[in-house]
């Protein structure tokens, strides 16, 4: 892609001593091979460099198209709004339940038609043909995880899966066998993922550091979240490597709004969208305690991370990367988040 860059206007004096201006000159330049006239200052050069880089990045983002399944839900709507804000093209099609089939949902000024299960394969195939740079985002329900992944892999559409639950072992097998591209992560919040990465590093470098410690885990999410927090499970697996004995069914799940306000401290205006986690460690002799806590109100942290994952995955597809299955730690390591 080439850009037209205006070079500084030049002037000269004619034979009578009058100052004359040259017409503005334009030259074609590429952001990866920028040449600036020597009369320009280094500051001007830096400004043009940054401007062209910004335009180039926006151009790459604009090439991406995203289809958000589960657009009738709060998380799906938040992702659509974040995608529109980022300049990603949101296709006006989504998948939903039988009851939602035929609905038209307006999000961020864009009207989206919801298709039911019986139409999914034909609709996805035709949409992928129309939008060859398509990436599907899945925020549906745990029961649909495996069937949806099988469909995306059958059609060959890259996808970002934020839905938790389902048979995860079968999910990864499906993607591996199909050689499809996917970002699969139970946690899309970039800062929370960074915390998880730190926990992983600690568990790998200091195995057994918390041997004998007692662990209590409490997680609170909106009542509509049916399964146990995938983030909590990921953190617990790190503590297990650190020597803590704890089973996943010991997690205390809080879904009752009254308990969430009184016991957990969730603000009432975020009862319908929050993610509170508390991990409490106690030494065998009860003299030492550690607490890890991360609380999120609203959905913007996940929506922004999801859009970063879409842009990341689209780039991997374009460059035909050898690796096919990624998680949000891969997205973080890329370092190209907005």
C-alpha atoms as a PDB file:
ATOM      1  CA  UNK A   1       0.000   0.000   0.000  1.00  0.00           C
ATOM      2  CA  UNK A   2       1.366   3.414  -0.939  1.00  0.00           C
ATOM      3  CA  UNK A   3       0.545   6.782   0.628  1.00  0.00           C
ATOM      4  CA  UNK A   4       0.709  10.300  -0.755  1.00  0.00           C
ATOM      5  CA  UNK A   5       2.807  12.479   1.532  1.00  0.00           C
ATOM      6  CA  UNK A   6       2.967  16.243   1.190  1.00  0.00           C
ATOM      7  CA  UNK A   7       6.527  17.540   1.336  1.00  0.00           C
ATOM      8  CA  UNK A   8       7.303  20.994   2.767  1.00  0.00           C
ATOM      9  CA  UNK A   9       6.334  23.890   0.504  1.00  0.00           C
ATOM     10  CA  UNK A  10       9.418  25.568  -0.946  1.00  0.00           C
ATOM     11  CA  UNK A  11       9.907  29.233  -1.864  1.00  0.00           C
ATOM     12  CA  UNK A  12      12.445  31.219  -3.889  1.00  0.00           C
ATOM     13  CA  UNK A  13      13.224  34.841  -4.758  1.00  0.00           C
ATOM     14  CA  UNK A  14      12.779  36.014  -8.323  1.00  0.00           C
ATOM     15  CA  UNK A  15      15.037  38.510 -10.099  1.00  0.00           C
ATOM     16  CA  UNK A  16      13.158  41.444  -8.547  1.00  0.00           C
ATOM     17  CA  UNK A  17      13.581  40.216  -4.988  1.00  0.00           C
ATOM     18  CA  UNK A  18       9.990  39.041  -4.668  1.00  0.00           C
ATOM     19  CA  UNK A  19       9.399  35.804  -2.760  1.00  0.00           C
ATOM     20  CA  UNK A  20       7.630  33.145  -4.834  1.00  0.00           C
ATOM     21  CA  UNK A  21       6.080  29.887  -3.593  1.00  0.00           C
ATOM     22  CA  UNK A  22       6.363  26.576  -5.345  1.00  0.00           C
ATOM     23  CA  UNK A  23       3.176  24.538  -5.608  1.00  0.00           C
ATOM     24  CA  UNK A  24       2.913  21.840  -2.932  1.00  0.00           C
ATOM     25  CA  UNK A  25       4.696  18.679  -3.994  1.00  0.00           C
ATOM     26  CA  UNK A  26       3.424  15.180  -3.316  1.00  0.00           C
ATOM     27  CA  UNK A  27       5.336  11.942  -3.459  1.00  0.00           C
ATOM     28  CA  UNK A  28       4.365   8.303  -3.065  1.00  0.00           C
ATOM     29  CA  UNK A  29       5.841   6.634  -0.034  1.00  0.00           C
ATOM     30  CA  UNK A  30       5.504   3.244   1.607  1.00  0.00           C
ATOM     31  CA  UNK A  31       5.428   3.013   5.412  1.00  0.00           C
ATOM     32  CA  UNK A  32       8.089   0.289   5.358  1.00  0.00           C
ATOM     33  CA  UNK A  33      10.448   2.304   3.146  1.00  0.00           C
ATOM     34  CA  UNK A  34       9.870   5.918   4.071  1.00  0.00           C
ATOM     35  CA  UNK A  35      12.198   8.543   2.626  1.00  0.00           C
ATOM     36  CA  UNK A  36      11.802  12.111   3.856  1.00  0.00           C
ATOM     37  CA  UNK A  37      13.297  15.182   2.184  1.00  0.00           C
ATOM     38  CA  UNK A  38      16.467  16.307   3.888  1.00  0.00           C
ATOM     39  CA  UNK A  39      14.975  19.748   4.532  1.00  0.00           C
ATOM     40  CA  UNK A  40      12.532  18.222   7.035  1.00  0.00           C
ATOM     41  CA  UNK A  41      13.414  18.163  10.711  1.00  0.00           C
ATOM     42  CA  UNK A  42      13.802  14.887  12.608  1.00  0.00           C
ATOM     43  CA  UNK A  43      10.655  15.794  14.569  1.00  0.00           C
ATOM     44  CA  UNK A  44       8.668  16.140  11.327  1.00  0.00           C
ATOM     45  CA  UNK A  45      10.023  12.791  10.174  1.00  0.00           C
ATOM     46  CA  UNK A  46       8.921  11.134  13.399  1.00  0.00           C
ATOM     47  CA  UNK A  47       5.434  12.641  13.108  1.00  0.00           C
ATOM     48  CA  UNK A  48       5.019  11.340   9.551  1.00  0.00           C
ATOM     49  CA  UNK A  49       6.410   7.938  10.564  1.00  0.00           C
ATOM     50  CA  UNK A  50       3.884   7.655  13.402  1.00  0.00           C
ATOM     51  CA  UNK A  51       1.033   8.912  11.241  1.00  0.00           C
ATOM     52  CA  UNK A  52       1.765   6.416   8.492  1.00  0.00           C
ATOM     53  CA  UNK A  53       2.134   3.584  10.993  1.00  0.00           C
ATOM     54  CA  UNK A  54      -1.245   4.485  12.515  1.00  0.00           C
ATOM     55  CA  UNK A  55      -2.871   4.574   9.075  1.00  0.00           C
ATOM     56  CA  UNK A  56      -1.237   1.257   8.216  1.00  0.00           C
ATOM     57  CA  UNK A  57      -2.485  -0.390  11.425  1.00  0.00           C
ATOM     58  CA  UNK A  58      -5.994   0.962  10.838  1.00  0.00           C
ATOM     59  CA  UNK A  59      -5.873  -0.411   7.309  1.00  0.00           C
ATOM     60  CA  UNK A  60      -4.958  -3.880   8.587  1.00  0.00           C
ATOM     61  CA  UNK A  61      -7.769  -3.762  11.163  1.00  0.00           C
ATOM     62  CA  UNK A  62     -10.228  -2.631   8.495  1.00  0.00           C
ATOM     63  CA  UNK A  63      -9.433  -5.755   6.452  1.00  0.00           C
ATOM     64  CA  UNK A  64     -10.795  -7.933   9.262  1.00  0.00           C
ATOM     65  CA  UNK A  65     -14.391  -9.114   9.437  1.00  0.00           C
ATOM     66  CA  UNK A  66     -15.997 -10.657  12.485  1.00  0.00           C
ATOM     67  CA  UNK A  67     -19.179 -12.643  13.040  1.00  0.00           C
ATOM     68  CA  UNK A  68     -20.305 -12.677  16.663  1.00  0.00           C
ATOM     69  CA  UNK A  69     -22.423 -15.660  17.642  1.00  0.00           C
ATOM     70  CA  UNK A  70     -24.507 -15.139  20.733  1.00  0.00           C
ATOM     71  CA  UNK A  71     -25.211 -11.506  19.813  1.00  0.00           C
ATOM     72  CA  UNK A  72     -28.442 -11.455  21.812  1.00  0.00           C
ATOM     73  CA  UNK A  73     -26.460 -11.892  25.035  1.00  0.00           C
ATOM     74  CA  UNK A  74     -24.731  -9.125  26.948  1.00  0.00           C
ATOM     75  CA  UNK A  75     -21.245 -10.455  26.193  1.00  0.00           C
ATOM     76  CA  UNK A  76     -21.956 -10.777  22.486  1.00  0.00           C
ATOM     77  CA  UNK A  77     -23.279  -7.216  22.355  1.00  0.00           C
ATOM     78  CA  UNK A  78     -20.244  -5.898  24.223  1.00  0.00           C
ATOM     79  CA  UNK A  79     -17.911  -7.577  21.705  1.00  0.00           C
ATOM     80  CA  UNK A  80     -19.811  -6.109  18.751  1.00  0.00           C
ATOM     81  CA  UNK A  81     -19.603  -2.617  20.233  1.00  0.00           C
ATOM     82  CA  UNK A  82     -15.862  -3.037  20.883  1.00  0.00           C
ATOM     83  CA  UNK A  83     -15.292  -4.353  17.347  1.00  0.00           C
ATOM     84  CA  UNK A  84     -17.152  -1.441  15.776  1.00  0.00           C
ATOM     85  CA  UNK A  85     -15.156   0.991  17.926  1.00  0.00           C
ATOM     86  CA  UNK A  86     -11.912  -0.671  16.774  1.00  0.00           C
ATOM     87  CA  UNK A  87     -12.882  -0.387  13.105  1.00  0.00           C
ATOM     88  CA  UNK A  88     -13.398  -4.124  12.567  1.00  0.00           C
ATOM     89  CA  UNK A  89     -16.158  -4.956  10.059  1.00  0.00           C
ATOM     90  CA  UNK A  90     -19.011  -6.722  11.872  1.00  0.00           C
ATOM     91  CA  UNK A  91     -21.024  -8.901   9.506  1.00  0.00           C
ATOM     92  CA  UNK A  92     -24.812  -8.505   9.952  1.00  0.00           C
ATOM     93  CA  UNK A  93     -25.339 -12.197  10.737  1.00  0.00           C
ATOM     94  CA  UNK A  94     -25.260 -14.247  13.937  1.00  0.00           C
ATOM     95  CA  UNK A  95     -26.268 -17.682  15.226  1.00  0.00           C
ATOM     96  CA  UNK A  96     -28.677 -18.227  18.078  1.00  0.00           C
ATOM     97  CA  UNK A  97     -31.198 -20.655  19.504  1.00  0.00           C
ATOM     98  CA  UNK A  98     -34.354 -21.911  17.813  1.00  0.00           C
ATOM     99  CA  UNK A  99     -36.357 -19.346  19.763  1.00  0.00           C
ATOM    100  CA  UNK A 100     -34.067 -16.502  18.616  1.00  0.00           C
ATOM    101  CA  UNK A 101     -34.145 -17.476  14.931  1.00  0.00           C
ATOM    102  CA  UNK A 102     -35.357 -14.619  12.752  1.00  0.00           C
ATOM    103  CA  UNK A 103     -34.748 -11.933  15.348  1.00  0.00           C
ATOM    104  CA  UNK A 104     -33.080  -8.705  14.281  1.00  0.00           C
ATOM    105  CA  UNK A 105     -30.806  -7.240  16.908  1.00  0.00           C
ATOM    106  CA  UNK A 106     -29.465  -3.691  16.709  1.00  0.00           C
ATOM    107  CA  UNK A 107     -26.079  -3.162  18.345  1.00  0.00           C
ATOM    108  CA  UNK A 108     -23.917  -0.082  17.912  1.00  0.00           C
ATOM    109  CA  UNK A 109     -26.126   1.161  15.080  1.00  0.00           C
ATOM    110  CA  UNK A 110     -25.772  -2.124  13.172  1.00  0.00           C
ATOM    111  CA  UNK A 111     -28.697  -4.489  12.572  1.00  0.00           C
ATOM    112  CA  UNK A 112     -27.864  -8.185  12.852  1.00  0.00           C
ATOM    113  CA  UNK A 113     -30.071 -11.072  11.714  1.00  0.00           C
ATOM    114  CA  UNK A 114     -30.057 -14.127  13.974  1.00  0.00           C
ATOM    115  CA  UNK A 115     -30.208 -17.575  12.341  1.00  0.00           C
ATOM    116  CA  UNK A 116     -31.308 -20.736  14.096  1.00  0.00           C
ATOM    117  CA  UNK A 117     -29.483 -24.102  14.282  1.00  0.00           C
ATOM    118  CA  UNK A 118     -31.019 -25.607  11.134  1.00  0.00           C
ATOM    119  CA  UNK A 119     -29.497 -22.934   8.864  1.00  0.00           C
ATOM    120  CA  UNK A 120     -26.045 -22.728  10.387  1.00  0.00           C
ATOM    121  CA  UNK A 121     -23.839 -24.593   7.929  1.00  0.00           C
ATOM    122  CA  UNK A 122     -25.296 -23.031   4.752  1.00  0.00           C
ATOM    123  CA  UNK A 123     -25.280 -19.548   6.276  1.00  0.00           C
ATOM    124  CA  UNK A 124     -21.719 -19.854   7.570  1.00  0.00           C
ATOM    125  CA  UNK A 125     -20.423 -21.194   4.249  1.00  0.00           C
ATOM    126  CA  UNK A 126     -22.011 -18.390   2.235  1.00  0.00           C
ATOM    127  CA  UNK A 127     -20.879 -15.748   4.734  1.00  0.00           C
ATOM    128  CA  UNK A 128     -17.306 -17.074   4.631  1.00  0.00           C
ATOM    129  CA  UNK A 129     -17.392 -16.939   0.828  1.00  0.00           C
ATOM    130  CA  UNK A 130     -18.512 -13.299   0.976  1.00  0.00           C
ATOM    131  CA  UNK A 131     -16.037 -12.368   3.724  1.00  0.00           C
ATOM    132  CA  UNK A 132     -12.838 -14.406   3.125  1.00  0.00           C
ATOM    133  CA  UNK A 133     -11.104 -12.642   6.051  1.00  0.00           C
ATOM    134  CA  UNK A 134     -13.860 -13.717   8.438  1.00  0.00           C
ATOM    135  CA  UNK A 135     -13.172 -14.661  12.058  1.00  0.00           C
ATOM    136  CA  UNK A 136     -16.040 -16.031  14.154  1.00  0.00           C
ATOM    137  CA  UNK A 137     -16.408 -15.082  17.815  1.00  0.00           C
ATOM    138  CA  UNK A 138     -18.340 -17.542  19.970  1.00  0.00           C
ATOM    139  CA  UNK A 139     -20.083 -16.396  23.149  1.00  0.00           C
ATOM    140  CA  UNK A 140     -22.945 -18.847  23.262  1.00  0.00           C
ATOM    141  CA  UNK A 141     -23.627 -21.496  25.928  1.00  0.00           C
ATOM    142  CA  UNK A 142     -21.476 -24.345  27.327  1.00  0.00           C
ATOM    143  CA  UNK A 143     -23.743 -27.014  25.813  1.00  0.00           C
ATOM    144  CA  UNK A 144     -23.064 -25.662  22.304  1.00  0.00           C
ATOM    145  CA  UNK A 145     -19.259 -25.468  22.533  1.00  0.00           C
ATOM    146  CA  UNK A 146     -18.375 -28.753  20.833  1.00  0.00           C
ATOM    147  CA  UNK A 147     -21.035 -28.647  18.123  1.00  0.00           C
ATOM    148  CA  UNK A 148     -20.130 -25.067  17.242  1.00  0.00           C
ATOM    149  CA  UNK A 149     -16.404 -25.853  17.067  1.00  0.00           C
ATOM    150  CA  UNK A 150     -17.118 -28.831  14.812  1.00  0.00           C
ATOM    151  CA  UNK A 151     -19.082 -26.560  12.472  1.00  0.00           C
ATOM    152  CA  UNK A 152     -16.384 -23.856  12.352  1.00  0.00           C
ATOM    153  CA  UNK A 153     -13.742 -26.480  11.629  1.00  0.00           C
ATOM    154  CA  UNK A 154     -15.858 -28.209   8.981  1.00  0.00           C
ATOM    155  CA  UNK A 155     -16.325 -24.933   7.087  1.00  0.00           C
ATOM    156  CA  UNK A 156     -12.736 -23.876   7.821  1.00  0.00           C
ATOM    157  CA  UNK A 157     -13.547 -20.565   9.483  1.00  0.00           C
ATOM    158  CA  UNK A 158     -11.019 -19.340  12.093  1.00  0.00           C
ATOM    159  CA  UNK A 159     -12.686 -18.688  15.434  1.00  0.00           C
ATOM    160  CA  UNK A 160     -12.199 -17.119  18.845  1.00  0.00           C
ATOM    161  CA  UNK A 161     -13.933 -19.103  21.571  1.00  0.00           C
ATOM    162  CA  UNK A 162     -14.766 -17.263  24.766  1.00  0.00           C
ATOM    163  CA  UNK A 163     -17.485 -19.677  25.847  1.00  0.00           C
ATOM    164  CA  UNK A 164     -16.467 -21.893  28.742  1.00  0.00           C
ATOM    165  CA  UNK A 165     -17.602 -25.447  29.410  1.00  0.00           C
ATOM    166  CA  UNK A 166     -18.141 -28.320  27.033  1.00  0.00           C
ATOM    167  CA  UNK A 167     -15.745 -31.215  26.526  1.00  0.00           C
ATOM    168  CA  UNK A 168     -12.460 -29.317  26.296  1.00  0.00           C
ATOM    169  CA  UNK A 169     -10.372 -32.353  25.397  1.00  0.00           C
ATOM    170  CA  UNK A 170     -12.674 -33.120  22.478  1.00  0.00           C
ATOM    171  CA  UNK A 171     -12.700 -29.430  21.539  1.00  0.00           C
ATOM    172  CA  UNK A 172      -8.917 -29.293  21.105  1.00  0.00           C
ATOM    173  CA  UNK A 173      -8.909 -32.602  19.253  1.00  0.00           C
ATOM    174  CA  UNK A 174     -11.504 -31.278  16.804  1.00  0.00           C
ATOM    175  CA  UNK A 175      -9.396 -28.196  16.045  1.00  0.00           C
ATOM    176  CA  UNK A 176      -6.130 -30.124  15.804  1.00  0.00           C
ATOM    177  CA  UNK A 177      -7.585 -32.719  13.433  1.00  0.00           C
ATOM    178  CA  UNK A 178      -9.055 -30.040  11.162  1.00  0.00           C
ATOM    179  CA  UNK A 179      -5.883 -27.887  11.200  1.00  0.00           C
ATOM    180  CA  UNK A 180      -8.146 -24.880  11.624  1.00  0.00           C
ATOM    181  CA  UNK A 181      -6.989 -21.639  13.304  1.00  0.00           C
ATOM    182  CA  UNK A 182      -8.463 -20.751  16.703  1.00  0.00           C
ATOM    183  CA  UNK A 183      -7.932 -18.746  19.862  1.00  0.00           C
ATOM    184  CA  UNK A 184      -9.424 -20.726  22.737  1.00  0.00           C
ATOM    185  CA  UNK A 185      -9.357 -19.156  26.170  1.00  0.00           C
ATOM    186  CA  UNK A 186     -11.601 -19.343  29.222  1.00  0.00           C
ATOM    187  CA  UNK A 187     -10.469 -15.817  30.055  1.00  0.00           C
ATOM    188  CA  UNK A 188     -10.340 -12.928  27.566  1.00  0.00           C
ATOM    189  CA  UNK A 189      -9.476 -10.096  29.957  1.00  0.00           C
ATOM    190  CA  UNK A 190      -5.907  -9.127  29.095  1.00  0.00           C
ATOM    191  CA  UNK A 191      -4.912  -8.011  32.582  1.00  0.00           C
ATOM    192  CA  UNK A 192      -6.411 -11.118  34.197  1.00  0.00           C
ATOM    193  CA  UNK A 193      -4.549 -13.250  31.654  1.00  0.00           C
ATOM    194  CA  UNK A 194      -1.328 -11.500  32.608  1.00  0.00           C
ATOM    195  CA  UNK A 195      -2.029 -12.463  36.236  1.00  0.00           C
ATOM    196  CA  UNK A 196      -2.635 -16.063  35.146  1.00  0.00           C
ATOM    197  CA  UNK A 197       0.657 -16.040  33.255  1.00  0.00           C
ATOM    198  CA  UNK A 198       2.444 -14.855  36.389  1.00  0.00           C
ATOM    199  CA  UNK A 199       0.822 -17.695  38.341  1.00  0.00           C
ATOM    200  CA  UNK A 200       1.982 -20.187  35.712  1.00  0.00           C
ATOM    201  CA  UNK A 201       5.552 -18.887  35.934  1.00  0.00           C
ATOM    202  CA  UNK A 202       5.485 -19.123  39.738  1.00  0.00           C
ATOM    203  CA  UNK A 203       4.121 -22.678  39.677  1.00  0.00           C
ATOM    204  CA  UNK A 204       6.741 -23.784  37.139  1.00  0.00           C
ATOM    205  CA  UNK A 205       9.706 -22.173  38.890  1.00  0.00           C
ATOM    206  CA  UNK A 206       8.724 -22.866  42.501  1.00  0.00           C
ATOM    207  CA  UNK A 207       6.876 -26.200  42.553  1.00  0.00           C
ATOM    208  CA  UNK A 208       5.789 -27.226  46.042  1.00  0.00           C
ATOM    209  CA  UNK A 209       6.261 -23.740  47.506  1.00  0.00           C
ATOM    210  CA  UNK A 210       2.831 -23.911  49.179  1.00  0.00           C
ATOM    211  CA  UNK A 211       2.922 -27.593  50.181  1.00  0.00           C
ATOM    212  CA  UNK A 212       0.618 -28.297  53.108  1.00  0.00           C
ATOM    213  CA  UNK A 213      -1.271 -25.031  52.791  1.00  0.00           C
ATOM    214  CA  UNK A 214      -5.060 -25.070  52.939  1.00  0.00           C
ATOM    215  CA  UNK A 215      -6.864 -23.358  50.038  1.00  0.00           C
ATOM    216  CA  UNK A 216     -10.330 -21.814  49.968  1.00  0.00           C
ATOM    217  CA  UNK A 217     -11.743 -20.520  46.691  1.00  0.00           C
ATOM    218  CA  UNK A 218     -14.845 -18.423  46.165  1.00  0.00           C
ATOM    219  CA  UNK A 219     -16.055 -17.108  42.824  1.00  0.00           C
ATOM    220  CA  UNK A 220     -19.100 -14.979  42.073  1.00  0.00           C
ATOM    221  CA  UNK A 221     -20.624 -14.382  38.647  1.00  0.00           C
ATOM    222  CA  UNK A 222     -24.014 -13.255  37.349  1.00  0.00           C
ATOM    223  CA  UNK A 223     -26.771 -15.810  37.916  1.00  0.00           C
ATOM    224  CA  UNK A 224     -26.941 -16.600  34.191  1.00  0.00           C
ATOM    225  CA  UNK A 225     -23.434 -18.152  34.251  1.00  0.00           C
ATOM    226  CA  UNK A 226     -24.207 -21.830  34.649  1.00  0.00           C
ATOM    227  CA  UNK A 227     -20.733 -23.341  34.888  1.00  0.00           C
ATOM    228  CA  UNK A 228     -17.836 -22.885  37.287  1.00  0.00           C
ATOM    229  CA  UNK A 229     -15.356 -20.134  36.490  1.00  0.00           C
ATOM    230  CA  UNK A 230     -12.709 -21.322  34.039  1.00  0.00           C
ATOM    231  CA  UNK A 231     -10.363 -18.670  35.414  1.00  0.00           C
ATOM    232  CA  UNK A 232     -10.712 -20.059  38.919  1.00  0.00           C
ATOM    233  CA  UNK A 233      -9.910 -23.538  37.618  1.00  0.00           C
ATOM    234  CA  UNK A 234      -6.791 -22.230  35.852  1.00  0.00           C
ATOM    235  CA  UNK A 235      -5.529 -20.512  39.022  1.00  0.00           C
ATOM    236  CA  UNK A 236      -6.279 -23.596  41.122  1.00  0.00           C
ATOM    237  CA  UNK A 237      -4.269 -25.781  38.736  1.00  0.00           C
ATOM    238  CA  UNK A 238      -1.298 -23.483  39.418  1.00  0.00           C
ATOM    239  CA  UNK A 239      -1.781 -23.816  43.167  1.00  0.00           C
ATOM    240  CA  UNK A 240      -1.901 -27.590  42.761  1.00  0.00           C
ATOM    241  CA  UNK A 241       1.521 -27.442  41.085  1.00  0.00           C
ATOM    242  CA  UNK A 242       2.659 -25.322  44.027  1.00  0.00           C
ATOM    243  CA  UNK A 243       1.822 -28.215  46.330  1.00  0.00           C
ATOM    244  CA  UNK A 244      -1.747 -27.376  47.442  1.00  0.00           C
ATOM    245  CA  UNK A 245      -4.257 -30.214  47.698  1.00  0.00           C
ATOM    246  CA  UNK A 246      -7.582 -28.976  46.322  1.00  0.00           C
ATOM    247  CA  UNK A 247     -10.370 -30.461  44.208  1.00  0.00           C
ATOM    248  CA  UNK A 248     -12.372 -28.420  41.706  1.00  0.00           C
ATOM    249  CA  UNK A 249     -15.690 -29.369  43.308  1.00  0.00           C
ATOM    250  CA  UNK A 250     -14.549 -27.539  46.462  1.00  0.00           C
ATOM    251  CA  UNK A 251     -14.942 -24.168  44.696  1.00  0.00           C
ATOM    252  CA  UNK A 252     -17.636 -22.082  46.346  1.00  0.00           C
ATOM    253  CA  UNK A 253     -19.852 -20.759  43.568  1.00  0.00           C
ATOM    254  CA  UNK A 254     -21.972 -17.717  44.461  1.00  0.00           C
ATOM    255  CA  UNK A 255     -24.897 -17.064  42.127  1.00  0.00           C
ATOM    256  CA  UNK A 256     -27.506 -15.685  44.545  1.00  0.00           C
ATOM    257  CA  UNK A 257     -27.774 -11.880  44.176  1.00  0.00           C
ATOM    258  CA  UNK A 258     -28.448 -11.354  47.888  1.00  0.00           C
ATOM    259  CA  UNK A 259     -25.288 -13.240  48.858  1.00  0.00           C
ATOM    260  CA  UNK A 260     -23.335 -11.454  46.155  1.00  0.00           C
ATOM    261  CA  UNK A 261     -24.176  -8.064  47.647  1.00  0.00           C
ATOM    262  CA  UNK A 262     -23.937  -8.969  51.328  1.00  0.00           C
ATOM    263  CA  UNK A 263     -21.218 -11.625  51.353  1.00  0.00           C
ATOM    264  CA  UNK A 264     -19.052 -10.824  48.329  1.00  0.00           C
ATOM    265  CA  UNK A 265     -19.532  -7.058  48.065  1.00  0.00           C
ATOM    266  CA  UNK A 266     -20.658  -6.896  44.448  1.00  0.00           C
ATOM    267  CA  UNK A 267     -22.137  -3.464  43.568  1.00  0.00           C
ATOM    268  CA  UNK A 268     -25.861  -3.825  42.886  1.00  0.00           C
ATOM    269  CA  UNK A 269     -25.607  -2.196  39.455  1.00  0.00           C
ATOM    270  CA  UNK A 270     -23.195  -4.967  38.382  1.00  0.00           C
ATOM    271  CA  UNK A 271     -25.130  -7.991  39.605  1.00  0.00           C
ATOM    272  CA  UNK A 272     -25.949  -8.851  35.995  1.00  0.00           C
ATOM    273  CA  UNK A 273     -22.329  -8.657  34.856  1.00  0.00           C
ATOM    274  CA  UNK A 274     -19.376  -9.282  37.164  1.00  0.00           C
ATOM    275  CA  UNK A 275     -16.581 -11.745  37.934  1.00  0.00           C
ATOM    276  CA  UNK A 276     -15.226 -11.782  41.496  1.00  0.00           C
ATOM    277  CA  UNK A 277     -12.562 -14.312  42.556  1.00  0.00           C
ATOM    278  CA  UNK A 278     -10.924 -14.885  45.944  1.00  0.00           C
ATOM    279  CA  UNK A 279      -8.199 -17.420  46.792  1.00  0.00           C
ATOM    280  CA  UNK A 280      -7.301 -17.747  50.482  1.00  0.00           C
ATOM    281  CA  UNK A 281      -4.272 -19.790  51.583  1.00  0.00           C
ATOM    282  CA  UNK A 282      -3.499 -20.753  55.185  1.00  0.00           C
ATOM    283  CA  UNK A 283      -0.330 -22.413  56.463  1.00  0.00           C
ATOM    284  CA  UNK A 284      -0.544 -25.767  58.288  1.00  0.00           C
ATOM    285  CA  UNK A 285       0.021 -24.095  61.679  1.00  0.00           C
ATOM    286  CA  UNK A 286      -2.472 -21.278  60.915  1.00  0.00           C
ATOM    287  CA  UNK A 287       0.190 -18.579  61.397  1.00  0.00           C
ATOM    288  CA  UNK A 288       0.547 -17.475  57.774  1.00  0.00           C
ATOM    289  CA  UNK A 289      -2.126 -16.475  55.266  1.00  0.00           C
ATOM    290  CA  UNK A 290      -2.051 -15.342  51.650  1.00  0.00           C
ATOM    291  CA  UNK A 291      -4.912 -13.864  49.642  1.00  0.00           C
ATOM    292  CA  UNK A 292      -5.172 -13.423  45.884  1.00  0.00           C
ATOM    293  CA  UNK A 293      -8.163 -11.536  44.561  1.00  0.00           C
ATOM    294  CA  UNK A 294      -9.265 -10.185  41.187  1.00  0.00           C
ATOM    295  CA  UNK A 295     -12.659  -8.544  40.721  1.00  0.00           C
ATOM    296  CA  UNK A 296     -14.193  -7.351  37.482  1.00  0.00           C
ATOM    297  CA  UNK A 297     -17.378  -5.327  37.062  1.00  0.00           C
ATOM    298  CA  UNK A 298     -18.935  -5.164  33.605  1.00  0.00           C
ATOM    299  CA  UNK A 299     -17.766  -6.797  30.384  1.00  0.00           C
ATOM    300  CA  UNK A 300     -15.578  -4.247  28.625  1.00  0.00           C
ATOM    301  CA  UNK A 301     -12.319  -5.919  29.741  1.00  0.00           C
ATOM    302  CA  UNK A 302     -13.379  -9.159  28.023  1.00  0.00           C
ATOM    303  CA  UNK A 303     -14.786  -7.467  24.930  1.00  0.00           C
ATOM    304  CA  UNK A 304     -11.591  -5.490  24.284  1.00  0.00           C
ATOM    305  CA  UNK A 305      -9.471  -8.599  24.774  1.00  0.00           C
ATOM    306  CA  UNK A 306     -11.689 -10.541  22.383  1.00  0.00           C
ATOM    307  CA  UNK A 307     -11.240  -7.936  19.649  1.00  0.00           C
ATOM    308  CA  UNK A 308      -7.467  -8.084  20.166  1.00  0.00           C
ATOM    309  CA  UNK A 309      -7.700 -11.862  19.782  1.00  0.00           C
ATOM    310  CA  UNK A 310      -9.667 -11.473  16.532  1.00  0.00           C
ATOM    311  CA  UNK A 311      -7.061  -9.113  15.054  1.00  0.00           C
ATOM    312  CA  UNK A 312      -4.245 -11.386  16.271  1.00  0.00           C
ATOM    313  CA  UNK A 313      -5.814 -14.523  14.767  1.00  0.00           C
ATOM    314  CA  UNK A 314      -6.589 -12.835  11.451  1.00  0.00           C
ATOM    315  CA  UNK A 315      -2.915 -11.907  11.173  1.00  0.00           C
ATOM    316  CA  UNK A 316      -1.865 -15.509  11.872  1.00  0.00           C
ATOM    317  CA  UNK A 317      -4.194 -16.705   9.117  1.00  0.00           C
ATOM    318  CA  UNK A 318      -2.853 -14.122   6.647  1.00  0.00           C
ATOM    319  CA  UNK A 319       0.752 -15.102   7.337  1.00  0.00           C
ATOM    320  CA  UNK A 320      -0.116 -18.842   7.267  1.00  0.00           C
ATOM    321  CA  UNK A 321       1.469 -19.431  10.664  1.00  0.00           C
ATOM    322  CA  UNK A 322       2.471 -22.997  11.451  1.00  0.00           C
ATOM    323  CA  UNK A 323       0.868 -22.940  14.872  1.00  0.00           C
ATOM    324  CA  UNK A 324      -2.922 -23.218  14.681  1.00  0.00           C
ATOM    325  CA  UNK A 325      -4.304 -23.178  18.235  1.00  0.00           C
ATOM    326  CA  UNK A 326      -3.622 -20.175  20.478  1.00  0.00           C
ATOM    327  CA  UNK A 327      -4.707 -18.761  23.805  1.00  0.00           C
ATOM    328  CA  UNK A 328      -4.769 -15.261  25.257  1.00  0.00           C
ATOM    329  CA  UNK A 329      -1.225 -15.586  26.587  1.00  0.00           C
ATOM    330  CA  UNK A 330      -0.128 -15.909  22.952  1.00  0.00           C
ATOM    331  CA  UNK A 331      -2.055 -12.730  22.183  1.00  0.00           C
ATOM    332  CA  UNK A 332      -0.356 -10.943  25.078  1.00  0.00           C
ATOM    333  CA  UNK A 333       3.094 -12.105  24.007  1.00  0.00           C
ATOM    334  CA  UNK A 334       2.562 -10.716  20.515  1.00  0.00           C
ATOM    335  CA  UNK A 335       2.595  -7.240  22.035  1.00  0.00           C
ATOM    336  CA  UNK A 336       0.360  -5.642  19.383  1.00  0.00           C
ATOM    337  CA  UNK A 337      -2.665  -4.928  21.525  1.00  0.00           C
ATOM    338  CA  UNK A 338      -4.457  -1.645  21.071  1.00  0.00           C
END
